[in-house]
Amino acid sequence: MTEGDPSVHRIEAEPREKWGFSELQQRVTDIYQEHDKECGYGPDTMLIRLSTNALTVQKLLKNAPNNFGSINRNLTNVFIWTATFANAGGLDLQNIMEKKIGQGCPHCQQMPCLLSKKGEKCIPPQFPNKNKNIIIPPSNLDEWQLHLKKMYPNNYQGDITKTLAFASSKLIEETIELSGSSYSDILRELKEASFPDEMLPWESEIADVLAWTFALSSSLDVKNGRYSAELSLKEKYKDGCPYCKSPKCICRKEKTFIEELRK
């Protein structure tokens, strides 16, 4: 990917309308709510679509790392299906992200995280700093992307190809955990971390899915020179469904394996 490549999405210097999670969730509602209801899409279908796009991102990064258009398309789809799943459950993504990672790493309680090496777990401080400064949580997707990059700066050191492979593997891992988010190991993880006790397992896993999706976005930013997940989503979905070109999606239904089994 070269500096002058027109397919690279750069963060604009000029003021523009910002998209936060509320705008993303509302856009998903406007475009897909009626379509998904008519098709009978339930949470299992949404999770399958989410996992499929995450897996496709990983395969593209391995087999076609310079096919930015396909990588971008599937990465934005991960955001869309996460928002669709959240909408189905009446969940507020901004609130979920603020609760888990709005004030820094949920494990060591620091910003940036005390993580020493990529892939290792940080260790909570023995004497937490109760007087640390309160961080104003990000309000739009560009800010969340930067917030997470600042929280885990070590993730973007070294070979960016390995970083992309690592982040894509973690994204798949988190989509699997989201599918089974009542498991005891996830409940144990919630107790060990420092975010509020009232956070539900699936809320925690949704935050993790989004965090690793932003990690991939930041990795593409490092590789390509200014990649904005927010701008990519806005450009792709501002006029409606990018596939059928309709303000309210009229794409035909494609049945998943789960739906075939229901016959």
Protein backbone atom coordinates (compact mmCIF):
# COMPACT_ATOMS: atom_id res chain seq x y z
CA MET A 1 0.00 0.00 0.00
CA THR A 2 1.59 3.24 -1.12
CA GLU A 3 1.32 6.77 0.19
CA GLY A 4 -0.72 7.91 -2.81
CA ASP A 5 -3.05 4.92 -2.94
CA PRO A 6 -6.63 6.30 -3.13
CA SER A 7 -8.01 3.23 -1.32
CA VAL A 8 -6.30 4.22 1.93
CA HIS A 9 -8.79 5.92 4.26
CA ARG A 10 -7.07 8.86 5.91
CA ILE A 11 -8.39 10.85 8.82
CA GLU A 12 -9.47 14.21 7.42
CA ALA A 13 -8.03 17.45 8.75
CA GLU A 14 -11.26 19.35 8.05
CA PRO A 15 -14.14 19.33 10.55
CA ARG A 16 -16.74 16.68 9.78
CA GLU A 17 -19.71 14.99 11.36
CA LYS A 18 -18.51 12.52 13.97
CA TRP A 19 -19.89 9.04 14.38
CA GLY A 20 -20.03 7.59 17.86
CA PHE A 21 -21.51 4.26 18.89
CA SER A 22 -24.98 5.79 19.12
CA GLU A 23 -24.79 6.97 15.50
CA LEU A 24 -23.50 3.56 14.43
CA GLN A 25 -26.27 1.71 16.25
CA GLN A 26 -28.92 4.08 14.87
CA ARG A 27 -27.57 3.64 11.34
CA VAL A 28 -27.79 -0.13 11.70
CA THR A 29 -31.39 0.24 12.92
CA ASP A 30 -32.35 2.52 10.03
CA ILE A 31 -30.84 0.28 7.35
CA TYR A 32 -31.26 -3.27 8.62
CA GLN A 33 -33.92 -3.56 11.35
CA GLU A 34 -36.86 -4.28 9.02
CA HIS A 35 -34.78 -6.56 6.79
CA ASP A 36 -33.45 -8.62 9.69
CA LYS A 37 -36.92 -8.92 11.23
CA GLU A 38 -38.47 -10.10 7.95
CA CYS A 39 -35.63 -12.61 7.50
CA GLY A 40 -36.05 -13.92 11.03
CA TYR A 41 -32.47 -13.21 12.00
CA GLY A 42 -31.90 -14.00 15.68
CA PRO A 43 -28.83 -13.59 17.90
CA ASP A 44 -27.37 -16.89 16.68
CA THR A 45 -27.46 -15.68 13.06
CA MET A 46 -25.89 -12.37 14.07
CA LEU A 47 -23.07 -14.14 15.92
CA ILE A 48 -22.43 -16.42 12.94
CA ARG A 49 -22.20 -13.41 10.61
CA LEU A 50 -19.90 -11.65 13.07
CA SER A 51 -17.63 -14.69 13.40
CA THR A 52 -17.60 -15.27 9.64
CA ASN A 53 -16.41 -11.74 8.93
CA ALA A 54 -13.77 -11.94 11.67
CA LEU A 55 -12.48 -15.21 10.20
CA THR A 56 -12.46 -13.71 6.69
CA VAL A 57 -10.35 -10.78 7.93
CA GLN A 58 -7.82 -13.23 9.34
CA LYS A 59 -7.66 -15.24 6.10
CA LEU A 60 -7.27 -12.11 3.98
CA LEU A 61 -4.47 -10.79 6.16
CA LYS A 62 -2.66 -14.11 5.72
CA ASN A 63 -3.34 -14.84 2.04
CA ALA A 64 -4.03 -11.43 0.49
CA PRO A 65 -2.51 -8.82 2.82
CA ASN A 66 -2.53 -6.12 0.13
CA ASN A 67 -6.22 -6.59 -0.74
CA PHE A 68 -7.16 -3.58 1.33
CA GLY A 69 -10.65 -3.26 -0.15
CA SER A 70 -11.71 -6.74 0.99
CA ILE A 71 -10.01 -6.38 4.37
CA ASN A 72 -11.72 -3.04 4.94
CA ARG A 73 -15.10 -4.40 3.84
CA ASN A 74 -15.01 -7.32 6.25
CA LEU A 75 -13.57 -5.26 9.11
CA THR A 76 -16.40 -2.72 8.84
CA ASN A 77 -18.83 -5.66 8.74
CA VAL A 78 -17.48 -6.78 12.12
CA PHE A 79 -18.50 -3.39 13.55
CA ILE A 80 -21.91 -3.62 11.86
CA TRP A 81 -22.73 -7.12 13.13
CA THR A 82 -21.53 -6.23 16.64
CA ALA A 83 -23.87 -3.23 16.60
CA THR A 84 -26.68 -5.41 15.21
CA PHE A 85 -26.20 -7.92 18.02
CA ALA A 86 -26.15 -5.12 20.60
CA ASN A 87 -29.33 -3.61 19.16
CA ALA A 88 -31.08 -6.98 19.40
CA GLY A 89 -30.27 -7.07 23.11
CA GLY A 90 -31.06 -3.41 23.77
CA LEU A 91 -27.44 -2.75 24.72
CA ASP A 92 -25.70 0.64 24.65
CA LEU A 93 -22.21 0.15 23.19
CA GLN A 94 -20.93 3.50 24.44
CA ASN A 95 -21.95 2.59 27.99
CA ILE A 96 -20.40 -0.87 27.71
CA MET A 97 -17.08 0.49 26.47
CA GLU A 98 -17.00 3.21 29.11
CA LYS A 99 -17.61 0.70 31.89
CA LYS A 100 -14.89 -1.71 30.83
CA ILE A 101 -12.10 0.36 29.30
CA GLY A 102 -13.11 4.01 29.51
CA GLN A 103 -10.70 4.67 32.39
CA GLY A 104 -7.82 2.50 31.19
CA CYS A 105 -6.90 -1.17 31.29
CA PRO A 106 -9.51 -3.13 33.28
CA HIS A 107 -6.85 -5.38 34.81
CA CYS A 108 -3.94 -3.15 35.88
CA GLN A 109 -6.14 -0.01 36.06
CA GLN A 110 -3.51 2.02 34.23
CA MET A 111 -3.41 4.22 31.13
CA PRO A 112 -1.30 3.11 29.35
CA CYS A 113 -1.47 -0.52 30.41
CA LEU A 114 1.46 -2.01 32.36
CA LEU A 115 1.70 -4.80 29.75
CA SER A 116 5.39 -5.47 29.16
CA LYS A 117 5.25 -7.70 26.09
CA LYS A 118 2.69 -8.31 23.35
CA GLY A 119 0.47 -11.25 24.26
CA GLU A 120 1.29 -11.27 27.97
CA LYS A 121 -1.21 -10.39 30.68
CA CYS A 122 -0.60 -7.36 32.83
CA ILE A 123 -0.58 -7.69 36.59
CA PRO A 124 -2.85 -5.53 38.78
CA PRO A 125 -0.80 -3.20 41.00
CA GLN A 126 -0.39 -4.27 44.62
CA PHE A 127 -1.37 -0.80 45.81
CA PRO A 128 -3.83 0.73 43.30
CA ASN A 129 -3.66 4.48 42.90
CA LYS A 130 -7.10 5.59 44.07
CA ASN A 131 -6.27 9.24 43.35
CA LYS A 132 -5.45 8.83 39.66
CA ASN A 133 -6.89 11.34 37.22
CA ILE A 134 -10.36 10.69 35.83
CA ILE A 135 -10.24 10.19 32.06
CA ILE A 136 -12.98 11.66 29.92
CA PRO A 137 -14.18 8.67 27.84
CA PRO A 138 -14.03 8.97 24.04
CA SER A 139 -17.20 10.19 22.37
CA ASN A 140 -16.67 9.06 18.78
CA LEU A 141 -15.13 6.10 16.98
CA ASP A 142 -11.93 7.91 15.96
CA GLU A 143 -11.35 8.80 19.62
CA TRP A 144 -11.97 5.21 20.73
CA GLN A 145 -9.48 3.95 18.17
CA LEU A 146 -6.85 6.38 19.49
CA HIS A 147 -7.78 5.67 23.14
CA LEU A 148 -7.13 1.96 22.73
CA LYS A 149 -3.92 2.55 20.81
CA LYS A 150 -2.64 4.71 23.68
CA MET A 151 -3.79 2.12 26.23
CA TYR A 152 -1.83 -0.73 24.63
CA PRO A 153 1.09 0.93 22.77
CA ASN A 154 3.27 -2.19 22.93
CA ASN A 155 0.83 -3.99 20.64
CA TYR A 156 2.04 -1.84 17.74
CA GLN A 157 5.79 -2.27 18.17
CA GLY A 158 7.85 -4.50 15.90
CA ASP A 159 6.66 -6.44 12.85
CA ILE A 160 3.26 -5.01 11.89
CA THR A 161 2.40 -8.15 9.89
CA LYS A 162 2.74 -10.23 13.06
CA THR A 163 0.73 -7.62 14.94
CA LEU A 164 -2.12 -7.90 12.43
CA ALA A 165 -2.04 -11.71 12.65
CA PHE A 166 -2.08 -11.56 16.46
CA ALA A 167 -4.95 -9.05 16.60
CA SER A 168 -7.05 -11.02 14.08
CA SER A 169 -6.56 -14.22 16.11
CA LYS A 170 -7.63 -12.42 19.29
CA LEU A 171 -10.70 -11.05 17.52
CA ILE A 172 -11.79 -14.57 16.54
CA GLU A 173 -11.14 -15.76 20.08
CA GLU A 174 -13.36 -13.00 21.49
CA THR A 175 -16.22 -13.72 19.04
CA ILE A 176 -16.13 -17.35 20.21
CA GLU A 177 -16.19 -16.24 23.85
CA LEU A 178 -19.10 -13.91 23.08
CA SER A 179 -21.03 -16.92 21.73
CA GLY A 180 -20.56 -18.65 25.09
CA SER A 181 -20.54 -15.65 27.37
CA SER A 182 -22.24 -17.34 30.33
CA TYR A 183 -19.29 -19.72 30.84
CA SER A 184 -17.76 -19.88 34.30
CA ASP A 185 -14.30 -18.83 33.08
CA ILE A 186 -15.72 -15.54 31.81
CA LEU A 187 -17.50 -14.97 35.11
CA ARG A 188 -14.19 -15.56 36.86
CA GLU A 189 -12.50 -13.07 34.55
CA LEU A 190 -15.10 -10.48 35.46
CA LYS A 191 -14.36 -10.94 39.17
CA GLU A 192 -10.60 -10.57 38.63
CA ALA A 193 -10.85 -7.32 36.66
CA SER A 194 -11.50 -3.89 38.08
CA PHE A 195 -14.52 -2.75 36.09
CA PRO A 196 -17.96 -2.51 37.76
CA ASP A 197 -19.44 -5.70 39.21
CA GLU A 198 -22.75 -5.05 37.48
CA MET A 199 -21.19 -5.63 34.07
CA LEU A 200 -22.73 -8.72 32.47
CA PRO A 201 -20.59 -11.40 30.78
CA TRP A 202 -21.84 -10.68 27.28
CA GLU A 203 -21.28 -6.96 27.78
CA SER A 204 -17.68 -7.68 28.72
CA GLU A 205 -17.17 -9.88 25.67
CA ILE A 206 -18.76 -7.31 23.32
CA ALA A 207 -16.28 -4.74 24.66
CA ASP A 208 -13.44 -7.18 23.94
CA VAL A 209 -14.68 -7.79 20.39
CA LEU A 210 -14.76 -4.05 19.74
CA ALA A 211 -11.37 -3.52 21.39
CA TRP A 212 -9.67 -6.03 19.07
CA THR A 213 -11.52 -4.68 16.06
CA PHE A 214 -10.11 -1.26 16.91
CA ALA A 215 -6.71 -2.91 17.41
CA LEU A 216 -6.88 -4.17 13.83
CA SER A 217 -7.90 -0.68 12.71
CA SER A 218 -4.90 0.83 14.48
CA SER A 219 -2.63 -1.82 12.99
CA LEU A 220 -3.87 -0.92 9.52
CA ASP A 221 -3.27 2.70 10.47
CA VAL A 222 0.38 1.87 11.19
CA LYS A 223 0.76 -0.22 8.05
CA ASN A 224 -1.05 2.00 5.56
CA GLY A 225 -0.62 5.48 6.96
CA ARG A 226 -3.79 6.79 8.65
CA TYR A 227 -6.66 4.33 8.64
CA SER A 228 -9.91 5.44 10.29
CA ALA A 229 -12.56 2.84 11.13
CA GLU A 230 -15.04 5.67 11.67
CA LEU A 231 -14.46 7.19 8.25
CA SER A 232 -14.64 3.77 6.57
CA LEU A 233 -17.99 3.04 8.24
CA LYS A 234 -19.37 6.46 7.44
CA GLU A 235 -18.38 6.29 3.79
CA LYS A 236 -19.73 2.76 3.40
CA TYR A 237 -23.07 3.16 5.19
CA LYS A 238 -23.97 6.85 4.99
CA ASP A 239 -26.43 6.32 2.11
CA GLY A 240 -27.87 2.97 3.20
CA CYS A 241 -26.93 -0.64 2.50
CA PRO A 242 -23.74 -0.71 0.39
CA TYR A 243 -24.81 -3.94 -1.32
CA CYS A 244 -28.38 -3.35 -2.50
CA LYS A 245 -27.86 0.46 -2.55
CA SER A 246 -31.14 1.03 -0.70
CA PRO A 247 -31.68 3.31 2.35
CA LYS A 248 -33.49 0.33 3.91
CA CYS A 249 -31.83 -2.95 3.04
CA ILE A 250 -33.68 -5.16 0.55
CA CYS A 251 -30.94 -7.76 0.11
CA ARG A 252 -32.22 -11.30 -0.26
CA LYS A 253 -31.89 -13.59 2.72
CA GLU A 254 -29.02 -16.07 2.75
CA LYS A 255 -29.66 -18.85 5.24
CA THR A 256 -26.99 -19.86 7.72
CA PHE A 257 -26.25 -23.44 8.73
CA ILE A 258 -28.20 -22.92 11.97
CA GLU A 259 -31.26 -21.77 10.05
CA GLU A 260 -31.05 -24.77 7.72
CA LEU A 261 -31.12 -27.06 10.75
CA ARG A 262 -34.35 -25.44 11.93
CA LYS A 263 -36.31 -26.77 8.94
